[in-house]
C-alpha atoms as a PDB file:
ATOM      1  CA  MET A   1       0.000   0.000   0.000  1.00  0.00           C
ATOM      2  CA  MET A   2       1.375   3.389  -0.987  1.00  0.00           C
ATOM      3  CA  LYS A   3       1.399   5.717   2.014  1.00  0.00           C
ATOM      4  CA  GLN A   4       0.640   9.424   1.903  1.00  0.00           C
ATOM      5  CA  LYS A   5       4.273  10.262   2.641  1.00  0.00           C
ATOM      6  CA  ASP A   6       5.249   8.277  -0.458  1.00  0.00           C
ATOM      7  CA  LEU A   7       2.724  10.052  -2.674  1.00  0.00           C
ATOM      8  CA  ARG A   8       3.864  13.557  -1.838  1.00  0.00           C
ATOM      9  CA  PRO A   9       7.347  13.513  -3.459  1.00  0.00           C
ATOM     10  CA  ILE A  10       6.069  11.583  -6.467  1.00  0.00           C
ATOM     11  CA  ILE A  11       3.293  14.080  -7.155  1.00  0.00           C
ATOM     12  CA  LYS A  12       5.603  17.026  -6.527  1.00  0.00           C
ATOM     13  CA  ASN A  13       8.240  15.718  -8.915  1.00  0.00           C
ATOM     14  CA  VAL A  14       5.750  14.913 -11.663  1.00  0.00           C
ATOM     15  CA  LEU A  15       4.077  18.327 -11.492  1.00  0.00           C
ATOM     16  CA  ASN A  16       7.352  20.242 -11.413  1.00  0.00           C
ATOM     17  CA  ASP A  17       8.903  18.271 -14.273  1.00  0.00           C
ATOM     18  CA  ARG A  18       6.313  19.499 -16.770  1.00  0.00           C
ATOM     19  CA  ALA A  19       5.027  22.804 -18.082  1.00  0.00           C
ATOM     20  CA  TYR A  20       1.357  23.226 -17.271  1.00  0.00           C
ATOM     21  CA  LYS A  21      -0.961  24.343 -20.077  1.00  0.00           C
ATOM     22  CA  ARG A  22      -2.079  27.945 -19.822  1.00  0.00           C
ATOM     23  CA  ILE A  23      -5.278  29.429 -21.229  1.00  0.00           C
ATOM     24  CA  GLU A  24      -4.354  32.787 -22.709  1.00  0.00           C
ATOM     25  CA  ASP A  25      -6.711  35.686 -22.029  1.00  0.00           C
ATOM     26  CA  SER A  26      -5.210  38.606 -23.912  1.00  0.00           C
ATOM     27  CA  SER A  27      -8.644  40.170 -24.470  1.00  0.00           C
ATOM     28  CA  SER A  28      -9.763  39.777 -20.839  1.00  0.00           C
ATOM     29  CA  ASN A  29     -12.831  37.807 -21.856  1.00  0.00           C
ATOM     30  CA  TYR A  30     -12.758  35.537 -18.837  1.00  0.00           C
ATOM     31  CA  VAL A  31     -13.002  35.765 -15.085  1.00  0.00           C
ATOM     32  CA  HIS A  32      -9.888  34.307 -13.469  1.00  0.00           C
ATOM     33  CA  ALA A  33     -10.317  31.948 -10.541  1.00  0.00           C
ATOM     34  CA  SER A  34      -7.986  29.740  -8.525  1.00  0.00           C
ATOM     35  CA  VAL A  35      -8.709  26.511  -6.705  1.00  0.00           C
ATOM     36  CA  LEU A  36      -6.843  24.288  -4.300  1.00  0.00           C
ATOM     37  CA  ILE A  37      -6.875  20.519  -4.847  1.00  0.00           C
ATOM     38  CA  PRO A  38      -6.224  19.394  -1.260  1.00  0.00           C
ATOM     39  CA  ILE A  39      -4.710  15.957  -0.670  1.00  0.00           C
ATOM     40  CA  LEU A  40      -4.887  14.648   2.873  1.00  0.00           C
ATOM     41  CA  ASP A  41      -4.370  11.422   4.731  1.00  0.00           C
ATOM     42  CA  GLU A  42      -6.961   9.729   6.899  1.00  0.00           C
ATOM     43  CA  GLU A  43      -5.765   6.563   8.594  1.00  0.00           C
ATOM     44  CA  GLY A  44      -3.420   5.765   5.739  1.00  0.00           C
ATOM     45  CA  VAL A  45      -5.956   6.509   2.995  1.00  0.00           C
ATOM     46  CA  SER A  46      -5.099   9.312   0.578  1.00  0.00           C
ATOM     47  CA  LYS A  47      -8.150  11.469  -0.083  1.00  0.00           C
ATOM     48  CA  ILE A  48      -9.132  14.531  -2.082  1.00  0.00           C
ATOM     49  CA  LEU A  49     -11.150  17.177  -0.273  1.00  0.00           C
ATOM     50  CA  PHE A  50     -14.105  18.774  -2.045  1.00  0.00           C
ATOM     51  CA  THR A  51     -16.842  21.161  -0.978  1.00  0.00           C
ATOM     52  CA  LYS A  52     -20.549  20.904  -1.648  1.00  0.00           C
ATOM     53  CA  ARG A  53     -21.636  24.417  -2.592  1.00  0.00           C
ATOM     54  CA  THR A  54     -24.764  25.978  -1.155  1.00  0.00           C
ATOM     55  CA  ASN A  55     -27.610  27.319  -3.247  1.00  0.00           C
ATOM     56  CA  ARG A  56     -26.785  30.841  -2.076  1.00  0.00           C
ATOM     57  CA  VAL A  57     -23.579  31.211  -4.091  1.00  0.00           C
ATOM     58  CA  GLU A  58     -23.677  33.131  -7.367  1.00  0.00           C
ATOM     59  CA  HIS A  59     -22.222  30.433  -9.607  1.00  0.00           C
ATOM     60  CA  HIS A  60     -22.447  26.613  -9.747  1.00  0.00           C
ATOM     61  CA  LYS A  61     -25.130  26.321  -7.075  1.00  0.00           C
ATOM     62  CA  GLY A  62     -25.239  23.001  -5.261  1.00  0.00           C
ATOM     63  CA  GLN A  63     -22.324  21.553  -7.179  1.00  0.00           C
ATOM     64  CA  ILE A  64     -19.261  19.796  -5.812  1.00  0.00           C
ATOM     65  CA  SER A  65     -16.084  21.785  -6.257  1.00  0.00           C
ATOM     66  CA  PHE A  66     -12.642  22.426  -4.856  1.00  0.00           C
ATOM     67  CA  PRO A  67     -12.076  25.226  -2.350  1.00  0.00           C
ATOM     68  CA  GLY A  68     -11.473  28.332  -4.423  1.00  0.00           C
ATOM     69  CA  GLY A  69     -12.968  31.293  -6.188  1.00  0.00           C
ATOM     70  CA  ALA A  70     -12.391  34.429  -8.199  1.00  0.00           C
ATOM     71  CA  VAL A  71      -9.019  36.155  -8.056  1.00  0.00           C
ATOM     72  CA  ASP A  72      -9.210  39.502  -6.228  1.00  0.00           C
ATOM     73  CA  GLU A  73      -7.138  42.603  -6.833  1.00  0.00           C
ATOM     74  CA  GLU A  74      -5.341  42.182  -3.515  1.00  0.00           C
ATOM     75  CA  ASP A  75      -4.159  38.655  -4.391  1.00  0.00           C
ATOM     76  CA  VAL A  76      -0.475  38.752  -5.277  1.00  0.00           C
ATOM     77  CA  SER A  77      -0.672  35.566  -7.370  1.00  0.00           C
ATOM     78  CA  PHE A  78      -3.030  32.832  -8.491  1.00  0.00           C
ATOM     79  CA  GLU A  79      -1.568  30.600  -5.788  1.00  0.00           C
ATOM     80  CA  ASP A  80      -2.239  33.276  -3.188  1.00  0.00           C
ATOM     81  CA  ALA A  81      -5.855  33.455  -4.340  1.00  0.00           C
ATOM     82  CA  ALA A  82      -6.308  29.682  -3.986  1.00  0.00           C
ATOM     83  CA  LEU A  83      -4.937  29.700  -0.441  1.00  0.00           C
ATOM     84  CA  ARG A  84      -7.000  32.737   0.552  1.00  0.00           C
ATOM     85  CA  GLU A  85     -10.208  31.177  -0.736  1.00  0.00           C
ATOM     86  CA  ALA A  86      -9.461  27.862   0.993  1.00  0.00           C
ATOM     87  CA  HIS A  87      -9.059  29.699   4.272  1.00  0.00           C
ATOM     88  CA  GLU A  88     -12.252  31.700   3.775  1.00  0.00           C
ATOM     89  CA  GLU A  89     -14.356  28.720   2.726  1.00  0.00           C
ATOM     90  CA  ILE A  90     -13.174  25.916   5.008  1.00  0.00           C
ATOM     91  CA  GLY A  91     -10.805  27.550   7.502  1.00  0.00           C
ATOM     92  CA  LEU A  92      -7.708  25.877   6.060  1.00  0.00           C
ATOM     93  CA  ARG A  93      -4.618  27.734   7.247  1.00  0.00           C
ATOM     94  CA  ARG A  94      -1.872  28.556   4.760  1.00  0.00           C
ATOM     95  CA  ASP A  95       0.744  27.077   7.083  1.00  0.00           C
ATOM     96  CA  ASP A  96      -1.011  23.704   6.888  1.00  0.00           C
ATOM     97  CA  VAL A  97      -0.715  23.502   3.087  1.00  0.00           C
ATOM     98  CA  GLU A  98       2.335  22.508   1.080  1.00  0.00           C
ATOM     99  CA  ILE A  99       1.820  23.429  -2.572  1.00  0.00           C
ATOM    100  CA  LEU A 100       3.109  20.524  -4.663  1.00  0.00           C
ATOM    101  CA  GLY A 101       2.552  22.144  -8.057  1.00  0.00           C
ATOM    102  CA  ARG A 102      -0.159  23.043 -10.500  1.00  0.00           C
ATOM    103  CA  ILE A 103      -2.056  21.264 -13.243  1.00  0.00           C
ATOM    104  CA  ASP A 104      -3.409  22.643 -16.515  1.00  0.00           C
ATOM    105  CA  ASP A 105      -5.708  25.647 -16.600  1.00  0.00           C
ATOM    106  CA  THR A 106      -9.368  24.758 -17.119  1.00  0.00           C
ATOM    107  CA  LEU A 107     -12.171  26.718 -18.752  1.00  0.00           C
ATOM    108  CA  THR A 108     -15.726  26.424 -17.428  1.00  0.00           C
ATOM    109  CA  LEU A 109     -18.221  25.776 -20.195  1.00  0.00           C
ATOM    110  CA  VAL A 110     -21.065  27.994 -18.992  1.00  0.00           C
ATOM    111  CA  SER A 111     -19.758  30.693 -16.646  1.00  0.00           C
ATOM    112  CA  SER A 112     -16.594  31.679 -18.599  1.00  0.00           C
ATOM    113  CA  PHE A 113     -14.100  31.222 -15.781  1.00  0.00           C
ATOM    114  CA  VAL A 114     -10.468  30.372 -16.378  1.00  0.00           C
ATOM    115  CA  ILE A 115      -9.508  28.204 -13.419  1.00  0.00           C
ATOM    116  CA  HIS A 116      -5.925  27.947 -12.198  1.00  0.00           C
ATOM    117  CA  PRO A 117      -5.663  24.714 -10.125  1.00  0.00           C
ATOM    118  CA  PHE A 118      -2.994  24.119  -7.470  1.00  0.00           C
ATOM    119  CA  VAL A 119      -2.359  20.758  -5.807  1.00  0.00           C
ATOM    120  CA  GLY A 120      -1.624  20.964  -2.101  1.00  0.00           C
ATOM    121  CA  PHE A 121      -0.685  18.446   0.570  1.00  0.00           C
ATOM    122  CA  VAL A 122      -2.548  19.139   3.810  1.00  0.00           C
ATOM    123  CA  ALA A 123      -0.779  18.053   6.983  1.00  0.00           C
ATOM    124  CA  GLU A 124      -2.904  17.597  10.111  1.00  0.00           C
ATOM    125  CA  PRO A 125      -5.534  20.196   9.231  1.00  0.00           C
ATOM    126  CA  GLY A 126      -7.511  19.793  12.429  1.00  0.00           C
ATOM    127  CA  ASP A 127     -11.141  20.864  12.445  1.00  0.00           C
ATOM    128  CA  PHE A 128     -12.415  22.632   9.358  1.00  0.00           C
ATOM    129  CA  VAL A 129     -14.523  25.748   9.807  1.00  0.00           C
ATOM    130  CA  VAL A 130     -16.837  26.160   6.839  1.00  0.00           C
ATOM    131  CA  SER A 131     -18.395  29.334   5.523  1.00  0.00           C
ATOM    132  CA  LYS A 132     -22.091  28.541   5.839  1.00  0.00           C
ATOM    133  CA  ALA A 133     -22.951  30.985   3.073  1.00  0.00           C
ATOM    134  CA  GLU A 134     -20.765  29.162   0.562  1.00  0.00           C
ATOM    135  CA  VAL A 135     -20.205  25.597   1.752  1.00  0.00           C
ATOM    136  CA  LYS A 136     -22.965  23.150   2.632  1.00  0.00           C
ATOM    137  CA  ARG A 137     -20.564  20.382   3.644  1.00  0.00           C
ATOM    138  CA  ILE A 138     -17.101  18.958   3.110  1.00  0.00           C
ATOM    139  CA  ILE A 139     -16.660  15.788   1.072  1.00  0.00           C
ATOM    140  CA  LYS A 140     -13.590  13.552   1.156  1.00  0.00           C
ATOM    141  CA  VAL A 141     -13.100  11.036  -1.647  1.00  0.00           C
ATOM    142  CA  PRO A 142     -10.339   8.393  -1.794  1.00  0.00           C
ATOM    143  CA  LEU A 143      -7.841   9.081  -4.533  1.00  0.00           C
ATOM    144  CA  TYR A 144      -8.303   5.598  -5.991  1.00  0.00           C
ATOM    145  CA  VAL A 145     -11.838   6.552  -7.051  1.00  0.00           C
ATOM    146  CA  PHE A 146     -10.323   8.664  -9.823  1.00  0.00           C
ATOM    147  CA  HIS A 147      -7.941   5.993 -11.107  1.00  0.00           C
ATOM    148  CA  PRO A 148      -8.727   5.452 -14.817  1.00  0.00           C
ATOM    149  CA  GLU A 149      -9.033   1.701 -14.288  1.00  0.00           C
ATOM    150  CA  ASN A 150     -11.768   2.075 -11.652  1.00  0.00           C
ATOM    151  CA  THR A 151     -14.551   2.564 -14.178  1.00  0.00           C
ATOM    152  CA  GLN A 152     -17.270   1.622 -11.678  1.00  0.00           C
ATOM    153  CA  TYR A 153     -17.023   5.154 -10.273  1.00  0.00           C
ATOM    154  CA  GLN A 154     -17.144   6.873 -13.652  1.00  0.00           C
ATOM    155  CA  ARG A 155     -20.159   8.263 -15.488  1.00  0.00           C
ATOM    156  CA  ASP A 156     -20.385   9.772 -18.951  1.00  0.00           C
ATOM    157  CA  SER A 157     -23.213  12.209 -18.281  1.00  0.00           C
ATOM    158  CA  VAL A 158     -25.052  14.095 -15.538  1.00  0.00           C
ATOM    159  CA  GLU A 159     -28.311  16.010 -15.374  1.00  0.00           C
ATOM    160  CA  TYR A 160     -28.278  19.467 -13.830  1.00  0.00           C
ATOM    161  CA  GLU A 161     -31.215  21.899 -13.735  1.00  0.00           C
ATOM    162  CA  GLY A 162     -33.049  19.998 -16.489  1.00  0.00           C
ATOM    163  CA  THR A 163     -30.089  19.753 -18.861  1.00  0.00           C
ATOM    164  CA  THR A 164     -28.035  16.626 -19.535  1.00  0.00           C
ATOM    165  CA  TYR A 165     -24.314  17.259 -19.771  1.00  0.00           C
ATOM    166  CA  ARG A 166     -22.264  14.547 -21.466  1.00  0.00           C
ATOM    167  CA  ALA A 167     -18.756  14.513 -20.060  1.00  0.00           C
ATOM    168  CA  ILE A 168     -16.626  12.688 -17.515  1.00  0.00           C
ATOM    169  CA  ALA A 169     -18.196  12.480 -14.060  1.00  0.00           C
ATOM    170  CA  TYR A 170     -17.480  10.488 -10.912  1.00  0.00           C
ATOM    171  CA  GLU A 171     -19.952   9.116  -8.360  1.00  0.00           C
ATOM    172  CA  TYR A 172     -18.966   8.109  -4.841  1.00  0.00           C
ATOM    173  CA  ASN A 173     -21.329   7.438  -1.934  1.00  0.00           C
ATOM    174  CA  GLY A 174     -24.154   9.195  -3.775  1.00  0.00           C
ATOM    175  CA  ASP A 175     -22.164  12.358  -4.510  1.00  0.00           C
ATOM    176  CA  VAL A 176     -21.589  13.221  -8.171  1.00  0.00           C
ATOM    177  CA  ILE A 177     -18.491  15.160  -9.182  1.00  0.00           C
ATOM    178  CA  TRP A 178     -18.794  16.609 -12.654  1.00  0.00           C
ATOM    179  CA  GLY A 179     -18.131  19.672 -14.799  1.00  0.00           C
ATOM    180  CA  ALA A 180     -14.855  21.535 -14.460  1.00  0.00           C
ATOM    181  CA  THR A 181     -14.069  19.770 -11.172  1.00  0.00           C
ATOM    182  CA  ALA A 182     -14.282  16.335 -12.799  1.00  0.00           C
ATOM    183  CA  ARG A 183     -12.207  17.517 -15.752  1.00  0.00           C
ATOM    184  CA  MET A 184      -9.518  18.803 -13.410  1.00  0.00           C
ATOM    185  CA  MET A 185      -9.375  15.470 -11.577  1.00  0.00           C
ATOM    186  CA  GLU A 186      -9.174  13.628 -14.885  1.00  0.00           C
ATOM    187  CA  ASN A 187      -6.361  15.957 -15.964  1.00  0.00           C
ATOM    188  CA  PHE A 188      -4.565  15.441 -12.641  1.00  0.00           C
ATOM    189  CA  MET A 189      -4.721  11.646 -12.914  1.00  0.00           C
ATOM    190  CA  ASN A 190      -3.642  11.717 -16.572  1.00  0.00           C
ATOM    191  CA  ILE A 191      -0.645  13.874 -15.644  1.00  0.00           C
ATOM    192  CA  LEU A 192       0.360  11.394 -12.948  1.00  0.00           C
ATOM    193  CA  GLY A 193      -0.034   8.574 -15.448  1.00  0.00           C
ATOM    194  CA  ASN A 194       1.439   5.304 -14.221  1.00  0.00           C
ATOM    195  CA  LYS A 195       3.504   6.977 -11.511  1.00  0.00           C
ATOM    196  CA  LEU A 196       0.890   6.061  -8.893  1.00  0.00           C
ATOM    197  CA  HIS A 197      -0.489   2.565  -8.456  1.00  0.00           C
ATOM    198  CA  LEU A 198      -3.955   3.024  -7.001  1.00  0.00           C
ATOM    199  CA  PRO A 199      -6.139  -0.004  -7.667  1.00  0.00           C
ATOM    200  CA  GLU A 200      -9.532   0.019  -6.027  1.00  0.00           C
ATOM    201  CA  GLY A 201      -9.364   0.060  -2.257  1.00  0.00           C
ATOM    202  CA  LYS A 202      -5.653   0.781  -2.076  1.00  0.00           C
ATOM    203  CA  GLU A 203      -3.707   3.984  -1.770  1.00  0.00           C
END
């Protein structure tokens, strides 16, 4: 079984040995946002932390996403924005996050956001404090769920507000991860390739 401490250097090396794909925005047609893809360990199981959004947020109501949001003028970098939003949404302290690298930029299909995703290792986060206006609950999903060989967790479509969207989606314990969040996880796992061996039920 691959322990969390073994995953961290592998992921860090893979992400830093490649150039991530940028989405150019020379005409300022998009809203820039940053997200944190938090990896944590629970009793030897490597998990990805997601948030279930409330219906009071402006965009992507009720969807499952990573902690993150729009880049503000006071943010000194996209990474800074991701860490700020993670603290505001779930109380995650910057000192508890080690940024391992970033994956490719992602464009949302409906709301015209360019998302800049950062992968972070979270060491002993303690109790999360969620923003009740933005986050309904925290969801933790084992990393093996997203392994390309574990097709039992994968779906090719999802219905949202009366419209069927045909794209990669993942279902775990009744929660459906789709849209830009699912595409980012697919991108993350494709980048890691065969560097991680995560058959079902093992980390």
